[in-house]
Amino acid sequence: MTILYDSEKALVSELRNHVRELWGEHAHSKVEVPCHDQARMDVLVQTPTCLIAVEAKLSNWNRVVAQAYLHRYCADLVYIAVLENMITQDRLDEAGRFAIGVISVANGSTRIMRTAVQGHPNMRIRERIASTSILSSS
């Protein structure tokens, strides 16, 4: 059976269902987290040692990469989550050039296709996000 994701909200919901599978049993997440200026992260994942930003899109590869790139100022690791059919080797390589990880979403599952590279966020912004985000279990 093929699962169709008809909205970004559905894609984000699927991703949140798999947060602990992707980042461990102590991972928690929150959606629409204010990060810098007027921007919001689609999903913020917090583990005991790491803040992970995830930007999700059903389409528009260039926009998802641009938005994710800005999250590098706020989080230790940054990922984009897209439908499996959007992922090509060229796109994986492009994400890698920006130290962004890629998560494939398809048919009720998620898979890390490219691991994000540890970033160097602005510590003031990172600490603000970490201290003000009381993350609910997911």
C-alpha atoms as a PDB file:
ATOM      1  CA  MET A   1       0.000   0.000   0.000  1.00  0.00           C
ATOM      2  CA  THR A   2       1.342   3.419  -0.954  1.00  0.00           C
ATOM      3  CA  ILE A   3       0.882   6.249   1.519  1.00  0.00           C
ATOM      4  CA  LEU A   4       0.323   9.654  -0.043  1.00  0.00           C
ATOM      5  CA  TYR A   5       1.493  12.769   1.762  1.00  0.00           C
ATOM      6  CA  ASP A   6      -0.865  15.505   0.610  1.00  0.00           C
ATOM      7  CA  SER A   7       0.543  18.287   2.779  1.00  0.00           C
ATOM      8  CA  GLU A   8       3.719  19.389   4.482  1.00  0.00           C
ATOM      9  CA  LYS A   9       1.881  18.867   7.779  1.00  0.00           C
ATOM     10  CA  ALA A  10       1.433  15.171   6.921  1.00  0.00           C
ATOM     11  CA  LEU A  11       5.122  14.886   6.061  1.00  0.00           C
ATOM     12  CA  VAL A  12       6.090  16.512   9.368  1.00  0.00           C
ATOM     13  CA  SER A  13       3.721  14.230  11.265  1.00  0.00           C
ATOM     14  CA  GLU A  14       5.310  11.155   9.673  1.00  0.00           C
ATOM     15  CA  LEU A  15       8.767  12.419  10.556  1.00  0.00           C
ATOM     16  CA  ARG A  16       7.776  13.025  14.184  1.00  0.00           C
ATOM     17  CA  ASN A  17       6.482   9.451  14.395  1.00  0.00           C
ATOM     18  CA  HIS A  18      10.043   8.269  13.717  1.00  0.00           C
ATOM     19  CA  VAL A  19      12.133  10.713  15.788  1.00  0.00           C
ATOM     20  CA  ARG A  20      13.241   8.096  18.310  1.00  0.00           C
ATOM     21  CA  GLU A  21      14.090   5.586  15.599  1.00  0.00           C
ATOM     22  CA  LEU A  22      16.289   8.186  13.914  1.00  0.00           C
ATOM     23  CA  TRP A  23      17.952   9.806  16.944  1.00  0.00           C
ATOM     24  CA  GLY A  24      17.470   7.538  19.947  1.00  0.00           C
ATOM     25  CA  GLU A  25      15.031   6.857  22.727  1.00  0.00           C
ATOM     26  CA  HIS A  26      15.729  10.147  24.522  1.00  0.00           C
ATOM     27  CA  ALA A  27      14.938  12.293  21.488  1.00  0.00           C
ATOM     28  CA  HIS A  28      11.979  14.646  21.732  1.00  0.00           C
ATOM     29  CA  SER A  29      10.533  16.957  19.132  1.00  0.00           C
ATOM     30  CA  LYS A  30       8.471  20.064  18.668  1.00  0.00           C
ATOM     31  CA  VAL A  31       7.097  21.681  15.519  1.00  0.00           C
ATOM     32  CA  GLU A  32       7.150  25.272  14.249  1.00  0.00           C
ATOM     33  CA  VAL A  33       9.894  26.438  16.593  1.00  0.00           C
ATOM     34  CA  PRO A  34      10.938  30.095  16.234  1.00  0.00           C
ATOM     35  CA  CYS A  35      14.650  30.212  15.497  1.00  0.00           C
ATOM     36  CA  HIS A  36      15.999  33.390  13.905  1.00  0.00           C
ATOM     37  CA  ASP A  37      14.338  36.587  12.770  1.00  0.00           C
ATOM     38  CA  GLN A  38      10.887  35.581  11.461  1.00  0.00           C
ATOM     39  CA  ALA A  39      11.942  32.025  10.577  1.00  0.00           C
ATOM     40  CA  ARG A  40      10.662  28.820  12.137  1.00  0.00           C
ATOM     41  CA  MET A  41      12.013  25.295  12.077  1.00  0.00           C
ATOM     42  CA  ASP A  42       9.497  22.743  10.873  1.00  0.00           C
ATOM     43  CA  VAL A  43      10.787  20.282  13.484  1.00  0.00           C
ATOM     44  CA  LEU A  44      13.257  20.737  16.308  1.00  0.00           C
ATOM     45  CA  VAL A  45      14.622  17.531  17.801  1.00  0.00           C
ATOM     46  CA  GLN A  46      16.395  17.637  21.126  1.00  0.00           C
ATOM     47  CA  THR A  47      18.552  14.810  22.433  1.00  0.00           C
ATOM     48  CA  PRO A  48      20.563  14.948  25.661  1.00  0.00           C
ATOM     49  CA  THR A  49      23.544  16.360  23.737  1.00  0.00           C
ATOM     50  CA  CYS A  50      22.255  17.815  20.488  1.00  0.00           C
ATOM     51  CA  LEU A  51      19.762  20.170  18.855  1.00  0.00           C
ATOM     52  CA  ILE A  52      18.661  18.992  15.414  1.00  0.00           C
ATOM     53  CA  ALA A  53      16.726  21.203  13.011  1.00  0.00           C
ATOM     54  CA  VAL A  54      14.635  19.625  10.270  1.00  0.00           C
ATOM     55  CA  GLU A  55      13.082  21.475   7.355  1.00  0.00           C
ATOM     56  CA  ALA A  56      10.423  19.503   5.475  1.00  0.00           C
ATOM     57  CA  LYS A  57       9.036  20.109   1.993  1.00  0.00           C
ATOM     58  CA  LEU A  58       6.848  18.209  -0.454  1.00  0.00           C
ATOM     59  CA  SER A  59       8.442  20.038  -3.373  1.00  0.00           C
ATOM     60  CA  ASN A  60      10.809  22.916  -4.185  1.00  0.00           C
ATOM     61  CA  TRP A  61      14.234  21.482  -3.501  1.00  0.00           C
ATOM     62  CA  ASN A  62      16.004  24.848  -3.745  1.00  0.00           C
ATOM     63  CA  ARG A  63      13.774  26.407  -1.107  1.00  0.00           C
ATOM     64  CA  VAL A  64      14.179  23.544   1.369  1.00  0.00           C
ATOM     65  CA  VAL A  65      17.976  23.673   1.041  1.00  0.00           C
ATOM     66  CA  ALA A  66      18.029  27.460   1.493  1.00  0.00           C
ATOM     67  CA  GLN A  67      15.813  27.327   4.573  1.00  0.00           C
ATOM     68  CA  ALA A  68      17.774  24.446   6.083  1.00  0.00           C
ATOM     69  CA  TYR A  69      21.045  26.272   5.506  1.00  0.00           C
ATOM     70  CA  LEU A  70      19.846  29.164   7.675  1.00  0.00           C
ATOM     71  CA  HIS A  71      19.062  26.740  10.509  1.00  0.00           C
ATOM     72  CA  ARG A  72      22.796  26.024  10.770  1.00  0.00           C
ATOM     73  CA  TYR A  73      22.969  29.209  12.865  1.00  0.00           C
ATOM     74  CA  CYS A  74      20.633  27.675  15.446  1.00  0.00           C
ATOM     75  CA  ALA A  75      21.221  23.929  15.665  1.00  0.00           C
ATOM     76  CA  ASP A  76      24.059  21.450  15.922  1.00  0.00           C
ATOM     77  CA  LEU A  77      22.795  19.307  13.047  1.00  0.00           C
ATOM     78  CA  VAL A  78      20.488  20.246  10.197  1.00  0.00           C
ATOM     79  CA  TYR A  79      18.435  17.932   8.020  1.00  0.00           C
ATOM     80  CA  ILE A  80      15.910  18.244   5.260  1.00  0.00           C
ATOM     81  CA  ALA A  81      13.054  15.760   5.046  1.00  0.00           C
ATOM     82  CA  VAL A  82      11.605  15.175   1.599  1.00  0.00           C
ATOM     83  CA  LEU A  83       9.683  12.550  -0.271  1.00  0.00           C
ATOM     84  CA  GLU A  84      11.825   9.701  -1.490  1.00  0.00           C
ATOM     85  CA  ASN A  85      11.140  10.487  -5.153  1.00  0.00           C
ATOM     86  CA  MET A  86      12.745  13.950  -4.749  1.00  0.00           C
ATOM     87  CA  ILE A  87      16.123  12.480  -3.850  1.00  0.00           C
ATOM     88  CA  THR A  88      18.801  12.068  -6.506  1.00  0.00           C
ATOM     89  CA  GLN A  89      22.543  11.657  -6.175  1.00  0.00           C
ATOM     90  CA  ASP A  90      23.055  15.229  -7.384  1.00  0.00           C
ATOM     91  CA  ARG A  91      20.741  16.505  -4.660  1.00  0.00           C
ATOM     92  CA  LEU A  92      22.471  14.401  -1.990  1.00  0.00           C
ATOM     93  CA  ASP A  93      25.791  15.850  -3.130  1.00  0.00           C
ATOM     94  CA  GLU A  94      24.399  19.392  -3.021  1.00  0.00           C
ATOM     95  CA  ALA A  95      23.103  18.915   0.524  1.00  0.00           C
ATOM     96  CA  GLY A  96      26.490  17.524   1.503  1.00  0.00           C
ATOM     97  CA  ARG A  97      28.260  20.635   0.219  1.00  0.00           C
ATOM     98  CA  PHE A  98      26.230  22.632   2.747  1.00  0.00           C
ATOM     99  CA  ALA A  99      26.720  20.064   5.579  1.00  0.00           C
ATOM    100  CA  ILE A 100      22.974  19.314   5.501  1.00  0.00           C
ATOM    101  CA  GLY A 101      21.646  15.822   6.068  1.00  0.00           C
ATOM    102  CA  VAL A 102      18.826  14.310   4.012  1.00  0.00           C
ATOM    103  CA  ILE A 103      15.927  12.204   5.283  1.00  0.00           C
ATOM    104  CA  SER A 104      13.769  10.217   2.895  1.00  0.00           C
ATOM    105  CA  VAL A 105      10.079   9.849   3.743  1.00  0.00           C
ATOM    106  CA  ALA A 106       8.026   7.196   1.970  1.00  0.00           C
ATOM    107  CA  ASN A 107       5.248   4.748   2.732  1.00  0.00           C
ATOM    108  CA  GLY A 108       5.184   5.182   6.494  1.00  0.00           C
ATOM    109  CA  SER A 109       8.930   5.098   7.009  1.00  0.00           C
ATOM    110  CA  THR A 110      11.877   7.434   7.226  1.00  0.00           C
ATOM    111  CA  ARG A 111      15.517   6.843   6.413  1.00  0.00           C
ATOM    112  CA  ILE A 112      18.602   8.998   6.700  1.00  0.00           C
ATOM    113  CA  MET A 113      20.093   9.121   3.210  1.00  0.00           C
ATOM    114  CA  ARG A 114      22.916  11.530   4.069  1.00  0.00           C
ATOM    115  CA  THR A 115      24.123  12.229   7.596  1.00  0.00           C
ATOM    116  CA  ALA A 116      24.394  15.873   8.601  1.00  0.00           C
ATOM    117  CA  VAL A 117      27.791  17.294   9.540  1.00  0.00           C
ATOM    118  CA  GLN A 118      28.190  18.806  13.001  1.00  0.00           C
ATOM    119  CA  GLY A 119      27.809  22.561  12.659  1.00  0.00           C
ATOM    120  CA  HIS A 120      28.909  25.556  14.653  1.00  0.00           C
ATOM    121  CA  PRO A 121      25.704  27.395  15.581  1.00  0.00           C
ATOM    122  CA  ASN A 122      25.611  30.797  17.177  1.00  0.00           C
ATOM    123  CA  MET A 123      25.736  29.747  20.827  1.00  0.00           C
ATOM    124  CA  ARG A 124      23.487  32.564  22.010  1.00  0.00           C
ATOM    125  CA  ILE A 125      20.743  31.565  19.570  1.00  0.00           C
ATOM    126  CA  ARG A 126      21.272  27.859  20.228  1.00  0.00           C
ATOM    127  CA  GLU A 127      21.039  28.317  23.998  1.00  0.00           C
ATOM    128  CA  ARG A 128      17.915  30.461  23.673  1.00  0.00           C
ATOM    129  CA  ILE A 129      16.239  27.745  21.630  1.00  0.00           C
ATOM    130  CA  ALA A 130      17.414  24.977  23.962  1.00  0.00           C
ATOM    131  CA  SER A 131      16.310  26.796  27.123  1.00  0.00           C
ATOM    132  CA  THR A 132      12.928  28.011  25.919  1.00  0.00           C
ATOM    133  CA  SER A 133      11.857  24.868  24.102  1.00  0.00           C
ATOM    134  CA  ILE A 134      10.184  22.462  26.484  1.00  0.00           C
ATOM    135  CA  LEU A 135       9.933  19.609  24.057  1.00  0.00           C
ATOM    136  CA  SER A 136       7.123  17.118  24.295  1.00  0.00           C
ATOM    137  CA  SER A 137       7.691  13.435  23.785  1.00  0.00           C
ATOM    138  CA  SER A 138       7.266  12.144  20.289  1.00  0.00           C
END
